[in-house]
Each structure stands twice: as structure tokens, then as C-alpha cells.
Protein backbone atom coordinates (compact mmCIF):
# COMPACT_ATOMS: atom_id res chain seq x y z
CA MET A 1 0.08 -0.06 -0.39
CA SER A 2 2.72 2.26 1.35
CA ASP A 3 4.62 3.04 -3.00
CA ASN A 4 1.00 3.02 -4.36
CA ILE A 5 -0.52 6.39 -5.02
CA ASN A 6 -3.73 6.21 -3.15
CA LYS A 7 -6.30 8.30 -1.49
CA ARG A 8 -5.33 8.70 2.01
CA ALA A 9 -6.94 11.45 4.71
CA VAL A 10 -5.91 12.58 8.77
CA ILE A 11 -9.86 12.95 10.75
CA ILE A 12 -10.24 12.01 14.11
CA PHE A 13 -13.52 9.90 15.02
CA PRO A 14 -14.84 11.17 18.17
CA LYS A 15 -16.58 8.83 20.49
CA PHE A 16 -19.94 10.35 21.68
CA LYS A 17 -21.92 8.52 24.38
CA ASN A 18 -25.00 9.20 21.72
CA ILE A 19 -23.07 8.43 18.86
CA ARG A 20 -26.10 6.44 17.76
CA THR A 21 -28.05 9.07 16.99
CA ILE A 22 -25.98 10.38 14.81
CA GLN A 23 -25.68 6.84 12.54
CA GLU A 24 -29.74 7.23 12.74
CA VAL A 25 -29.48 10.47 10.42
CA ARG A 26 -25.95 9.12 8.36
CA LYS A 27 -28.18 6.09 7.86
CA ARG A 28 -30.88 7.85 5.93
CA TYR A 29 -29.12 11.03 4.45
CA ASP A 30 -25.17 9.89 4.18
CA ARG A 31 -23.65 7.51 1.20
CA LEU A 32 -20.86 6.40 3.08
CA TYR A 33 -22.46 5.70 6.21
CA GLY A 34 -21.55 1.89 6.56
CA MET A 35 -18.08 2.99 4.65
CA ILE A 36 -16.69 5.41 7.59
CA GLU A 37 -17.52 6.14 11.28
CA PRO A 38 -19.05 9.40 12.09
CA HIS A 39 -15.72 11.78 11.42
CA ILE A 40 -13.71 15.13 11.86
CA THR A 41 -11.46 15.13 8.95
CA LEU A 42 -8.73 16.90 9.61
CA ILE A 43 -6.91 16.84 5.64
CA PHE A 44 -9.23 15.86 3.64
CA PRO A 45 -8.11 13.04 1.09
CA PHE A 46 -5.74 13.48 -0.78
CA SER A 47 -3.19 11.49 -3.25
CA ASP A 48 0.17 11.52 -2.44
CA SER A 49 3.31 8.95 -3.75
CA MET A 50 4.73 9.44 -0.24
CA ALA A 51 4.85 6.32 2.33
CA ASP A 52 2.26 5.56 4.95
CA GLU A 53 4.84 5.68 7.37
CA LEU A 54 6.85 9.05 6.15
CA LEU A 55 2.82 10.59 6.27
CA ILE A 56 2.95 8.58 10.24
CA GLU A 57 6.28 9.63 11.48
CA ARG A 58 5.59 13.65 9.82
CA VAL A 59 1.72 13.88 11.26
CA ARG A 60 3.27 12.68 14.67
CA LYS A 61 6.06 15.50 14.42
CA VAL A 62 3.08 17.81 13.93
CA VAL A 63 0.90 16.81 17.01
CA LYS A 64 3.18 15.52 19.59
CA ASN A 65 2.96 18.33 22.17
CA ILE A 66 -0.78 18.07 21.12
CA THR A 67 -3.08 17.67 24.50
CA LYS A 68 -6.68 16.16 24.43
CA PHE A 69 -9.16 18.53 24.11
CA ASN A 70 -13.07 18.65 24.77
CA VAL A 71 -15.29 19.30 21.79
CA ARG A 72 -18.87 19.41 22.20
CA PHE A 73 -21.30 19.65 18.69
CA LYS A 74 -25.12 20.57 18.63
CA GLY A 75 -27.14 21.83 15.79
CA ILE A 76 -27.01 21.99 12.23
CA SER A 77 -26.13 24.44 9.32
CA LEU A 78 -26.57 23.09 5.44
CA SER A 79 -23.55 23.76 3.27
CA ASN A 80 -23.80 25.80 -0.40
CA ASP A 81 -22.85 22.59 -2.25
CA ASN A 82 -25.88 20.44 0.20
CA TYR A 83 -23.91 18.65 2.72
CA ILE A 84 -25.94 18.46 6.22
CA PHE A 85 -23.16 19.74 9.18
CA LEU A 86 -23.26 18.78 12.49
CA ASN A 87 -21.51 22.12 13.87
CA CYS A 88 -18.48 22.23 16.33
CA ILE A 89 -19.58 24.73 19.06
CA GLU A 90 -16.84 23.88 21.01
CA GLY A 91 -13.07 22.84 20.78
CA LYS A 92 -13.28 24.35 17.19
CA ASP A 93 -9.58 26.68 16.96
CA LYS A 94 -8.07 23.68 18.83
CA ILE A 95 -9.11 20.85 15.44
CA MET A 96 -8.49 24.23 13.04
CA GLN A 97 -5.36 23.99 15.05
CA LEU A 98 -4.75 20.99 14.28
CA HIS A 99 -5.94 20.99 10.46
CA ASP A 100 -2.96 24.24 9.93
CA ARG A 101 -0.59 22.60 11.13
CA ILE A 102 -0.90 19.38 9.45
CA TYR A 103 -1.29 20.81 6.14
CA GLN A 104 1.31 23.22 6.46
CA GLU A 105 4.08 21.01 8.06
CA VAL A 106 3.08 18.16 6.48
CA LEU A 107 1.02 18.20 2.63
CA PRO A 108 1.10 22.17 2.28
CA THR A 109 0.79 21.34 -1.64
CA HIS A 110 -2.38 19.56 -0.65
CA LEU A 111 -4.34 22.66 1.10
CA LYS A 112 -6.79 24.36 -1.56
CA LYS A 113 -6.65 27.38 -0.15
CA GLU A 114 -10.23 28.77 -1.65
CA ILE A 115 -12.23 26.54 0.20
CA GLN A 116 -12.64 27.75 4.07
CA TYR A 117 -12.30 25.24 6.82
CA ILE A 118 -15.37 24.35 8.87
CA PRO A 119 -15.33 21.91 12.01
CA HIS A 120 -18.05 19.75 11.50
CA ILE A 121 -19.07 15.96 11.19
CA THR A 122 -20.78 15.47 7.80
CA LEU A 123 -23.99 13.78 8.61
CA GLY A 124 -25.17 13.49 4.83
CA GLN A 125 -26.50 15.01 2.27
CA SER A 126 -29.87 16.83 1.64
CA GLU A 127 -31.30 19.84 0.10
CA SER A 128 -33.32 20.93 3.00
CA ILE A 129 -33.01 20.65 6.59
CA ASN A 130 -36.65 21.27 7.77
CA MET A 131 -36.87 17.15 7.97
CA LEU A 132 -33.92 17.77 11.08
CA LYS A 133 -35.50 20.95 12.87
CA ASN A 134 -35.81 19.15 15.63
CA PHE A 135 -32.53 17.70 16.05
CA ASP A 136 -30.89 19.63 18.83
CA GLU A 137 -29.12 16.91 20.52
CA GLU A 138 -25.84 17.95 22.06
CA PHE A 139 -23.05 15.60 21.64
CA VAL A 140 -20.17 15.73 24.10
CA THR A 141 -16.51 13.83 24.14
CA THR A 142 -12.31 14.37 24.31
CA ILE A 143 -10.49 14.14 21.34
CA ASP A 144 -7.64 12.23 22.56
CA GLU A 145 -6.45 10.57 19.42
CA ILE A 146 -6.40 10.91 15.41
CA SER A 147 -6.38 9.19 12.64
CA ILE A 148 -4.50 8.00 9.44
CA GLU A 149 -6.26 6.55 6.74
CA TYR A 150 -6.91 4.87 2.86
CA ILE A 151 -9.91 5.36 1.23
CA ASP A 152 -10.36 2.16 -1.02
CA GLU A 153 -11.54 1.69 -4.39
CA ASN A 154 -15.19 1.52 -2.90
CA GLU A 155 -14.69 4.48 -1.23
CA GLU A 156 -14.50 2.60 2.76
CA SER A 157 -12.22 3.66 4.93
CA ILE A 158 -9.03 1.35 6.32
CA LEU A 159 -7.30 2.39 9.01
CA ILE A 160 -3.36 3.07 9.20
CA ASP A 161 -2.29 4.14 12.66
CA LYS A 162 -3.40 6.09 15.09
CA ILE A 163 -2.16 8.58 16.66
CA GLU A 164 -2.49 9.55 20.88
CA LEU A 165 -2.82 13.22 21.95
CA LEU A 166 -1.23 13.72 25.00
């Protein structure tokens, strides 16, 4: 796997106690339901010839002094391209810091500067969020690790490595 050019991403898998609620929405609206668990994307899927081992080493170096942090998600919004986002209302700065540092120090050529990064969890796609207007549950957890994944040809997520935060 490490010498092929393939799609990889850097993500956070939050461990919410009530994650089943997110999965119920995703099952209905997210075509990737069943292929990847609910997640926060730090580094969007990219293709690069960098070996997995080197990617892991470089990401570990960037996050080695980053401490665990709390996040809270509540409320939904609809992006311009009809993605349903579960909004991050606490921990956003830490997530953005991880996003920025990994792109700057590991994958600077892959950063799409024209796209504003907004920490969120994707719940699916729809032209409207009216059917979810009563979706007001709060999701809270501590982020203690980030993951590096390989995305296979069927868009299924395959874990390459987990990196623990301090």
C-alpha cells in the first residue's frame, strides 16, 4: 500500500456516548454510512506518493505536543453544496489548529486555500434541513487521538494508524 499513489486522509473519530443518534441520521442521508464512522476531517482525501510510514512520522511530529481537548457539537447547518453539517460549538480552535499545522508542515501543496475550513461532522446530503429541524441533541467528548486512513476504491475507510494526543 505504501508505494502506490492512493487516497488518504487525516481524521478524528469522536467517541460520543450518543453517537447512535448521529448514525440514525447518517443512515438516511449519507452515502458513506457503513463505509466510515462519524468523523471530523482534518486533512481532506488526497493522493500523494509519500509512503504511509513517512506520512505517519511527519503527522506524529506535528501533533506530538498537542494535548487532549474537549469538543461539543450541536445544531445543524446546510453547506452551499447541500451537505448537512453537525456544527462544532466547542473545541473548534483546537481542531482548526490541527488542520492548519498538518497542512502547513506535512502537506502544504494539498491545501485548497479557496475553501474555508469549518470543523464539523457530515451527516449527509440533502437540499433541505427542514426534516431535521428538531435535531437539537448535544454531542460532547474528549478528543484524545487522530487517525490516518486509506480510502479504498469503494470509498471504504481503512485505518492506517492512530496517533494519541498528550
